[in-house]
Amino acid sequence: MSLLDCDRIVLAQPFGGLGDNLLYSTLPERFAALGKTVYIARKNVVRGQSAFDLVWGANPYVSGMIDEAPNAGDCCYSAYATHGEGPRVKNIISRIEAAHGLEPLHTIPKVYYQPTLIEDLRDKIIVDVTSNSIGFGGETVISFLNQMFTWYRYPAQNALQVRFEASAPVKNMVLVENIGTIMLESLFHYCNVLYSCAAFITVHSGAHCLAVALRGTRPGPHIDCLVSRDYFNSRLAIFPEVEYFVC
């Protein structure tokens, strides 16, 4: 039976990162438009309640969590990627939609939280070079940042590196000297920061996916992202209107 014949869509993915969850974020609205009821399986993996609240809790097309085996999410995408059925498209969001029997329409993740504009950040360059899944050496990161500040004439006095609370699940932190800092109060505060800034310099991470989703169809902020060659060539979470720098 096709997934489109099901009345109830139960979504899950096993990886847990913010970006991993965001990759499936367009599906609830797409299925709701077809009259389906969409749930998140309790076996869906997510690192932290705040990430769940942002991606799924704030999504008006999700009807809640359920103790049922998933029939959507990674189970569909893995089968699509393995067996090659359906249209072949480069963009990961479009591929995921195609894997679920939907016409591939979207190219970026979606969040439904409406950020608050922070006026003081309108001209700021936000820097976040942390990633839980991909670690770049300090020299690589600093070289990347130097290129960005040189090429785009970013004023160093306007740069702020994000800092996280000690309890935050952060890995691969590279501390950048000679720029200011901004302490993040919560993931929702981070959304406000990313929504408000002039530019965002980051690495291939959940924050990169979040920034793309929050920007939506707006012209800014400008997003620069350091990515590994393997991820870039596989087009895994590679989005339009982002400047990628491959290493």
Protein backbone atom coordinates (compact mmCIF):
# COMPACT_ATOMS: atom_id res chain seq x y z
CA MET A 1 0.00 0.00 0.00
CA SER A 2 1.29 3.44 -0.91
CA LEU A 3 1.95 5.92 1.86
CA LEU A 4 -0.53 8.22 0.13
CA ASP A 5 -3.25 5.63 0.85
CA CYS A 6 -2.64 5.87 4.60
CA ASP A 7 -4.83 8.08 6.78
CA ARG A 8 -2.16 8.40 9.45
CA ILE A 9 1.45 9.43 8.86
CA VAL A 10 3.91 8.51 11.62
CA LEU A 11 7.29 10.17 11.15
CA ALA A 12 10.69 9.29 12.62
CA GLN A 13 14.41 9.53 11.93
CA PRO A 14 17.22 7.88 13.94
CA PHE A 15 20.06 10.40 13.93
CA GLY A 16 18.86 13.02 16.39
CA GLY A 17 20.54 16.23 15.29
CA LEU A 18 18.67 19.47 14.84
CA GLY A 19 19.53 19.39 11.14
CA ASP A 20 18.51 15.73 10.84
CA ASN A 21 15.04 16.57 12.12
CA LEU A 22 14.77 19.72 10.01
CA LEU A 23 15.37 17.72 6.82
CA TYR A 24 11.89 16.20 7.27
CA SER A 25 10.19 19.42 8.35
CA THR A 26 8.25 20.07 5.14
CA LEU A 27 6.42 16.73 5.28
CA PRO A 28 3.70 17.41 7.89
CA GLU A 29 2.23 20.35 5.98
CA ARG A 30 2.44 18.46 2.68
CA PHE A 31 0.57 15.46 4.10
CA ALA A 32 -1.93 17.58 6.02
CA ALA A 33 -2.85 19.25 2.72
CA LEU A 34 -3.85 15.75 1.50
CA GLY A 35 -6.10 15.21 4.51
CA LYS A 36 -3.65 13.03 6.45
CA THR A 37 -3.12 13.21 10.21
CA VAL A 38 0.58 13.51 11.01
CA TYR A 39 2.26 12.27 14.18
CA ILE A 40 5.86 12.05 15.40
CA ALA A 41 6.79 8.54 16.50
CA ARG A 42 8.12 8.28 20.04
CA LYS A 43 11.12 6.46 18.62
CA ASN A 44 12.10 9.60 16.68
CA VAL A 45 15.48 10.71 17.98
CA VAL A 46 16.14 14.34 18.90
CA ARG A 47 18.90 15.86 21.02
CA GLY A 48 17.12 17.96 23.59
CA GLN A 49 13.56 19.03 24.30
CA SER A 50 14.10 22.51 22.86
CA ALA A 51 14.97 21.08 19.44
CA PHE A 52 11.82 18.96 19.52
CA ASP A 53 9.74 21.95 20.59
CA LEU A 54 11.09 24.06 17.73
CA VAL A 55 10.92 21.55 14.88
CA TRP A 56 7.84 19.52 15.81
CA GLY A 57 6.12 21.13 18.78
CA ALA A 58 5.74 24.48 17.00
CA ASN A 59 4.59 22.80 13.78
CA PRO A 60 0.80 23.30 13.51
CA TYR A 61 0.50 20.31 11.16
CA VAL A 62 1.80 17.81 13.75
CA SER A 63 -0.95 16.25 15.87
CA GLY A 64 1.38 15.01 18.61
CA MET A 65 3.47 11.96 19.45
CA ILE A 66 2.36 8.37 19.14
CA ASP A 67 3.58 4.90 20.13
CA GLU A 68 3.41 3.39 16.67
CA ALA A 69 6.00 2.16 14.21
CA PRO A 70 6.91 4.90 11.74
CA ASN A 71 5.70 4.67 8.16
CA ALA A 72 7.43 7.90 7.11
CA GLY A 73 10.78 9.59 7.60
CA ASP A 74 14.06 7.73 7.34
CA CYS A 75 12.37 4.42 6.50
CA CYS A 76 11.03 5.93 3.26
CA TYR A 77 14.12 7.92 2.42
CA SER A 78 16.48 4.98 2.94
CA ALA A 79 14.40 2.78 0.64
CA TYR A 80 14.28 5.53 -1.99
CA ALA A 81 18.03 6.14 -1.80
CA THR A 82 18.79 2.40 -1.99
CA HIS A 83 16.40 1.22 -4.67
CA GLY A 84 16.34 4.34 -6.84
CA GLU A 85 12.57 4.41 -7.45
CA GLY A 86 10.91 7.73 -8.22
CA PRO A 87 12.35 10.97 -9.61
CA ARG A 88 16.05 11.67 -9.14
CA VAL A 89 16.62 15.15 -7.79
CA LYS A 90 19.70 16.79 -6.27
CA ASN A 91 18.22 18.83 -3.45
CA ILE A 92 17.85 16.85 -0.21
CA ILE A 93 14.49 18.37 0.80
CA SER A 94 13.07 17.67 -2.66
CA ARG A 95 14.51 14.12 -2.53
CA ILE A 96 12.84 13.46 0.80
CA GLU A 97 9.49 14.68 -0.50
CA ALA A 98 9.88 12.48 -3.60
CA ALA A 99 10.76 9.51 -1.39
CA HIS A 100 7.36 9.88 0.26
CA GLY A 101 5.43 9.83 -2.99
CA LEU A 102 5.01 13.60 -3.06
CA GLU A 103 5.80 15.95 -5.90
CA PRO A 104 9.19 17.47 -4.97
CA LEU A 105 8.37 21.13 -4.35
CA HIS A 106 10.56 22.47 -1.54
CA THR A 107 14.30 23.06 -1.43
CA ILE A 108 14.82 24.31 2.15
CA PRO A 109 13.67 23.17 5.61
CA LYS A 110 10.75 24.84 7.34
CA VAL A 111 10.15 26.17 10.86
CA TYR A 112 6.93 27.73 12.09
CA TYR A 113 8.28 29.74 15.00
CA GLN A 114 8.02 33.46 14.24
CA PRO A 115 11.28 35.05 15.44
CA THR A 116 11.52 38.41 17.17
CA LEU A 117 13.72 40.99 15.48
CA ILE A 118 16.60 42.16 17.68
CA GLU A 119 17.36 45.66 16.45
CA ASP A 120 20.88 45.74 17.90
CA LEU A 121 21.90 42.82 15.68
CA ARG A 122 20.88 44.29 12.31
CA ASP A 123 24.51 45.00 11.34
CA LYS A 124 26.16 42.10 13.19
CA ILE A 125 28.08 39.17 11.74
CA ILE A 126 27.23 36.06 13.76
CA VAL A 127 29.86 33.31 13.87
CA ASP A 128 29.13 29.71 14.91
CA VAL A 129 31.81 27.17 14.02
CA THR A 130 30.55 24.31 16.19
CA SER A 131 29.13 21.03 14.93
CA ASN A 132 28.21 17.86 16.78
CA SER A 133 28.79 15.65 13.76
CA ILE A 134 31.61 17.27 11.79
CA GLY A 135 34.82 18.58 13.28
CA PHE A 136 37.16 20.89 11.40
CA GLY A 137 40.66 21.62 12.66
CA GLY A 138 41.31 25.01 14.20
CA GLU A 139 43.65 26.09 11.39
CA THR A 140 41.03 25.21 8.76
CA VAL A 141 38.33 27.16 10.58
CA ILE A 142 40.51 30.24 11.10
CA SER A 143 41.60 30.20 7.45
CA PHE A 144 37.95 30.01 6.40
CA LEU A 145 37.00 32.92 8.67
CA ASN A 146 39.90 35.03 7.40
CA GLN A 147 38.73 34.46 3.83
CA MET A 148 35.16 35.43 4.68
CA PHE A 149 36.13 38.64 6.44
CA THR A 150 38.47 39.56 3.58
CA TRP A 151 36.25 38.68 0.63
CA TYR A 152 33.05 40.18 1.99
CA ARG A 153 34.65 43.09 3.82
CA TYR A 154 32.94 42.10 7.03
CA PRO A 155 33.98 44.57 9.77
CA ALA A 156 35.57 42.59 12.59
CA GLN A 157 34.15 44.99 15.18
CA ASN A 158 30.66 43.85 14.14
CA ALA A 159 31.41 40.14 14.56
CA LEU A 160 30.02 38.10 17.46
CA GLN A 161 30.79 34.44 18.13
CA VAL A 162 27.95 32.55 19.78
CA ARG A 163 28.53 30.99 23.18
CA PHE A 164 26.45 28.23 24.73
CA GLU A 165 25.50 27.36 28.28
CA ALA A 166 27.72 24.75 29.87
CA SER A 167 24.91 22.16 29.73
CA ALA A 168 24.40 22.54 25.96
CA PRO A 169 25.39 19.45 23.89
CA VAL A 170 28.13 21.24 21.95
CA LYS A 171 31.18 19.61 20.38
CA ASN A 172 34.05 20.71 18.14
CA MET A 173 34.12 24.27 19.46
CA VAL A 174 36.83 26.49 17.96
CA LEU A 175 37.32 29.72 19.88
CA VAL A 176 37.93 32.75 17.70
CA GLU A 177 40.14 35.52 19.03
CA ASN A 178 39.65 39.25 18.60
CA ILE A 179 35.89 39.24 18.08
CA GLY A 180 33.04 39.73 20.52
CA THR A 181 30.68 37.10 21.89
CA ILE A 182 26.96 36.64 22.34
CA MET A 183 25.56 34.22 24.92
CA LEU A 184 22.59 32.22 23.70
CA GLU A 185 19.77 32.00 26.24
CA SER A 186 17.88 29.23 24.43
CA LEU A 187 17.36 27.70 21.00
CA PHE A 188 14.48 30.11 20.43
CA HIS A 189 16.77 33.01 21.31
CA TYR A 190 19.20 31.63 18.73
CA CYS A 191 16.37 31.78 16.18
CA ASN A 192 15.89 35.46 16.98
CA VAL A 193 19.65 36.07 16.61
CA LEU A 194 19.84 34.31 13.23
CA TYR A 195 16.74 36.11 12.00
CA SER A 196 18.12 39.53 12.98
CA CYS A 197 21.78 39.50 11.88
CA ALA A 198 23.32 40.81 8.65
CA ALA A 199 25.39 37.69 7.96
CA PHE A 200 25.99 34.25 9.43
CA ILE A 201 29.31 32.42 9.15
CA THR A 202 29.10 28.77 10.12
CA VAL A 203 30.04 25.17 9.37
CA HIS A 204 27.90 22.35 7.98
CA SER A 205 25.67 21.76 10.99
CA GLY A 206 22.19 21.99 12.45
CA ALA A 207 22.67 25.74 12.89
CA HIS A 208 23.32 26.01 9.15
CA CYS A 209 20.02 24.20 8.41
CA LEU A 210 18.20 26.37 10.95
CA ALA A 211 19.54 29.60 9.47
CA VAL A 212 18.34 28.57 6.00
CA ALA A 213 14.89 27.70 7.33
CA LEU A 214 14.56 30.96 9.26
CA ARG A 215 15.66 33.04 6.29
CA GLY A 216 13.08 31.40 4.06
CA THR A 217 12.55 33.60 1.00
CA ARG A 218 13.95 36.76 2.64
CA PRO A 219 17.06 38.30 1.05
CA GLY A 220 19.12 38.07 4.23
CA PRO A 221 21.07 37.24 6.20
CA HIS A 222 23.94 36.24 3.94
CA ILE A 223 25.02 32.69 4.90
CA ASP A 224 28.60 31.37 4.49
CA CYS A 225 29.19 27.70 5.30
CA LEU A 226 32.34 25.58 5.55
CA VAL A 227 31.59 22.02 4.35
CA SER A 228 33.55 18.84 3.75
CA ARG A 229 34.11 17.64 0.20
CA ASP A 230 32.12 14.42 0.80
CA TYR A 231 29.06 16.24 2.10
CA PHE A 232 29.17 18.81 -0.66
CA ASN A 233 29.58 16.28 -3.46
CA SER A 234 26.73 14.12 -2.09
CA ARG A 235 24.52 17.24 -1.89
CA LEU A 236 23.57 16.23 1.63
CA ALA A 237 21.95 19.31 3.22
CA ILE A 238 23.25 21.64 0.53
CA PHE A 239 20.79 24.48 0.03
CA PRO A 240 20.28 27.28 -2.50
CA GLU A 241 21.50 30.82 -1.84
CA VAL A 242 24.23 29.70 0.56
CA GLU A 243 27.93 30.33 -0.11
CA TYR A 244 29.65 26.98 0.47
CA PHE A 245 33.41 26.65 0.92
CA VAL A 246 34.67 23.13 0.44
CA CYS A 247 37.64 21.66 2.29
